[in-house]
Protein backbone atom coordinates (compact mmCIF):
# COMPACT_ATOMS: atom_id res chain seq x y z
CA UNK A 1 83.72 324.07 95.30
CA UNK A 2 87.21 324.67 94.93
CA UNK A 3 86.97 328.34 95.61
CA UNK A 4 85.05 327.78 98.92
CA UNK A 5 87.58 325.14 100.44
CA UNK A 6 90.80 326.90 99.08
CA UNK A 7 91.90 329.54 101.83
CA UNK A 8 94.41 332.16 101.23
CA UNK A 9 94.49 335.60 99.89
CA UNK A 10 92.10 338.64 101.07
CA UNK A 11 88.55 337.88 102.07
CA UNK A 12 85.75 338.42 99.30
CA UNK A 13 82.97 337.28 101.08
CA UNK A 14 82.54 336.07 104.79
CA UNK A 15 79.74 335.50 107.46
CA UNK A 16 81.19 336.62 110.50
CA UNK A 17 84.37 335.31 111.39
CA UNK A 18 84.33 332.53 108.91
CA UNK A 19 85.82 333.36 105.55
CA UNK A 20 83.77 331.77 102.76
CA UNK A 21 85.23 333.27 99.72
CA UNK A 22 88.82 334.42 99.44
CA UNK A 23 90.79 335.65 96.32
CA UNK A 24 92.99 332.54 96.36
CA UNK A 25 89.96 330.37 96.24
CA UNK A 26 88.27 332.50 93.45
CA UNK A 27 91.61 331.97 91.56
CA UNK A 28 91.79 328.04 92.32
CA UNK A 29 88.42 327.72 91.09
CA UNK A 30 88.40 329.55 88.25
CA UNK A 31 91.70 327.58 87.26
CA UNK A 32 89.79 324.03 87.94
CA UNK A 33 86.82 325.42 85.91
CA UNK A 34 89.07 325.97 82.90
CA UNK A 35 91.14 322.58 82.92
CA UNK A 36 87.66 320.86 83.11
CA UNK A 37 86.13 323.10 80.10
CA UNK A 38 89.40 321.76 77.94
CA UNK A 39 88.63 318.51 78.70
CA UNK A 40 85.15 318.94 77.83
CA UNK A 41 85.72 320.82 74.67
CA UNK A 42 88.29 318.15 73.73
CA UNK A 43 85.78 315.34 74.11
CA UNK A 44 83.04 317.62 72.26
CA UNK A 45 85.61 317.73 69.31
CA UNK A 46 86.42 314.09 69.19
CA UNK A 47 82.92 313.13 69.60
CA UNK A 48 81.39 315.60 66.92
CA UNK A 49 84.33 315.39 64.29
CA UNK A 50 84.71 311.96 61.94
CA UNK A 51 88.25 310.59 62.78
CA UNK A 52 89.66 310.84 59.34
CA UNK A 53 88.87 314.73 59.34
CA UNK A 54 90.73 314.97 62.67
CA UNK A 55 93.56 313.31 61.30
CA UNK A 56 93.39 315.64 58.05
CA UNK A 57 93.41 318.72 60.47
CA UNK A 58 96.31 317.57 62.51
CA UNK A 59 98.51 317.30 59.25
CA UNK A 60 97.21 320.38 57.92
CA UNK A 61 98.71 321.83 61.42
CA UNK A 62 102.06 320.26 60.30
CA UNK A 63 101.92 317.68 62.75
CA UNK A 64 103.94 314.84 61.71
CA UNK A 65 101.50 312.16 59.96
CA UNK A 66 102.59 309.47 62.32
CA UNK A 67 101.47 311.29 65.22
CA UNK A 68 98.20 312.16 63.39
CA UNK A 69 97.59 308.25 62.71
CA UNK A 70 98.53 307.24 66.14
CA UNK A 71 95.57 309.42 67.24
CA UNK A 72 93.38 307.90 64.78
CA UNK A 73 94.36 304.52 65.71
CA UNK A 74 93.72 305.46 69.72
CA UNK A 75 90.00 307.04 68.58
CA UNK A 76 89.32 303.67 66.97
CA UNK A 77 91.08 301.37 69.57
CA UNK A 78 89.50 302.70 72.60
CA UNK A 79 85.87 301.61 71.72
CA UNK A 80 87.24 297.89 70.99
CA UNK A 81 89.17 297.86 74.11
CA UNK A 82 85.85 298.89 76.09
CA UNK A 83 83.66 296.61 74.42
CA UNK A 84 86.32 293.72 75.14
CA UNK A 85 86.36 294.77 78.76
CA UNK A 86 82.46 294.95 79.05
CA UNK A 87 82.18 291.42 77.30
CA UNK A 88 84.71 289.96 80.12
CA UNK A 89 82.57 291.59 82.84
CA UNK A 90 79.60 290.11 81.15
CA UNK A 91 81.04 286.63 81.33
CA UNK A 92 81.99 286.78 84.83
CA UNK A 93 78.32 287.74 85.67
CA UNK A 94 76.90 284.96 83.80
CA UNK A 95 79.09 282.73 85.58
CA UNK A 96 77.48 283.37 88.83
CA UNK A 97 79.18 286.38 90.31
CA UNK A 98 77.63 289.27 91.58
CA UNK A 99 79.82 292.42 91.43
CA UNK A 100 77.64 294.26 93.91
CA UNK A 101 77.98 292.11 96.59
CA UNK A 102 81.83 291.27 96.52
CA UNK A 103 83.81 293.00 99.06
CA UNK A 104 86.07 295.73 97.47
CA UNK A 105 89.70 293.72 97.48
CA UNK A 106 88.33 290.93 95.75
CA UNK A 107 86.47 293.12 93.33
CA UNK A 108 89.76 294.38 92.80
CA UNK A 109 91.24 291.29 92.17
CA UNK A 110 88.58 290.28 89.95
CA UNK A 111 89.05 293.36 87.70
CA UNK A 112 93.00 292.74 87.60
CA UNK A 113 91.78 289.16 86.15
CA UNK A 114 89.25 290.40 83.85
CA UNK A 115 91.82 293.11 82.52
CA UNK A 116 94.74 290.80 81.67
CA UNK A 117 92.55 288.74 78.77
CA UNK A 118 91.30 292.13 77.41
CA UNK A 119 94.83 293.33 77.34
CA UNK A 120 96.24 290.58 75.69
CA UNK A 121 93.22 290.70 72.99
CA UNK A 122 94.02 294.49 72.36
CA UNK A 123 97.63 293.50 72.09
CA UNK A 124 97.04 290.82 69.52
CA UNK A 125 94.58 293.44 67.51
CA UNK A 126 97.56 296.05 67.61
CA UNK A 127 99.98 293.57 66.33
CA UNK A 128 97.43 292.67 63.45
CA UNK A 129 97.26 296.27 62.73
CA UNK A 130 100.87 297.18 62.67
CA UNK A 131 101.41 294.16 60.48
CA UNK A 132 98.67 295.65 58.10
CA UNK A 133 100.14 299.17 58.05
CA UNK A 134 103.49 297.73 57.10
CA UNK A 135 102.06 295.56 54.38
CA UNK A 136 100.73 298.78 53.17
CA UNK A 137 103.98 300.76 53.19
CA UNK A 138 103.35 303.26 55.78
CA UNK A 139 106.10 305.50 56.59
CA UNK A 140 107.85 304.48 52.92
CA UNK A 141 107.42 308.03 51.89
CA UNK A 142 108.27 311.02 53.56
CA UNK A 143 105.07 312.88 52.59
CA UNK A 144 101.47 311.51 52.47
CA UNK A 145 98.88 312.85 49.69
CA UNK A 146 95.27 313.46 51.15
CA UNK A 147 92.15 312.19 49.53
CA UNK A 148 90.09 314.85 51.03
CA UNK A 149 91.51 318.71 51.52
CA UNK A 150 90.08 320.68 54.47
CA UNK A 151 89.17 324.20 54.22
CA UNK A 152 88.37 326.69 56.67
CA UNK A 153 84.61 327.86 57.19
CA UNK A 154 83.30 330.84 58.88
CA UNK A 155 82.11 328.63 62.08
CA UNK A 156 85.86 328.14 62.03
CA UNK A 157 87.22 331.58 62.02
CA UNK A 158 84.41 332.36 64.53
CA UNK A 159 85.54 329.65 66.93
CA UNK A 160 89.39 330.80 66.59
CA UNK A 161 88.10 334.58 67.48
CA UNK A 162 85.90 333.48 70.08
CA UNK A 163 88.80 331.38 71.98
CA UNK A 164 91.26 333.86 71.50
CA UNK A 165 89.01 336.40 72.68
CA UNK A 166 88.55 334.34 75.83
CA UNK A 167 92.15 333.66 76.28
CA UNK A 168 93.02 337.49 76.06
CA UNK A 169 90.17 338.16 78.85
CA UNK A 170 91.38 335.41 80.82
CA UNK A 171 94.86 336.61 81.00
CA UNK A 172 94.03 340.40 81.58
CA UNK A 173 91.82 339.27 84.26
CA UNK A 174 94.02 336.79 86.46
CA UNK A 175 97.06 338.41 88.01
């Protein structure tokens, strides 16, 4: 859709005087597709790998372990936040509110009212996790030891090679 509605550059395909596909539109469409594929592949990585393996992989890539643990907490925290929000919506619906019949302005106001207790509960959980991490001496030592040691396998090398090949092809094909 992006390639059809973006005009500019040379015309690649036209019907009569109507330019359907242009070079700039095609470039814009490919750019959007690549961005979306990055989001999809990132979501697949997060969904398919256990959170601790992602943390170990990030620390093996020389990322500070504080940032790796922030990623772990975000991965574990987002489902809890979603659950709190859906519980609040269920409570409003059980109180008799029909969310499908409420006008948009009132619906936004209702969601803001629902979001406030969810954020408050999330902050109290975050405070509890922070206190727990301090009690366990997080960041006391400059280096951490790992229980599990990750090793590269054949599929890892295959994915890296395929990604590099696709990247080179993209840079060669795009001006």
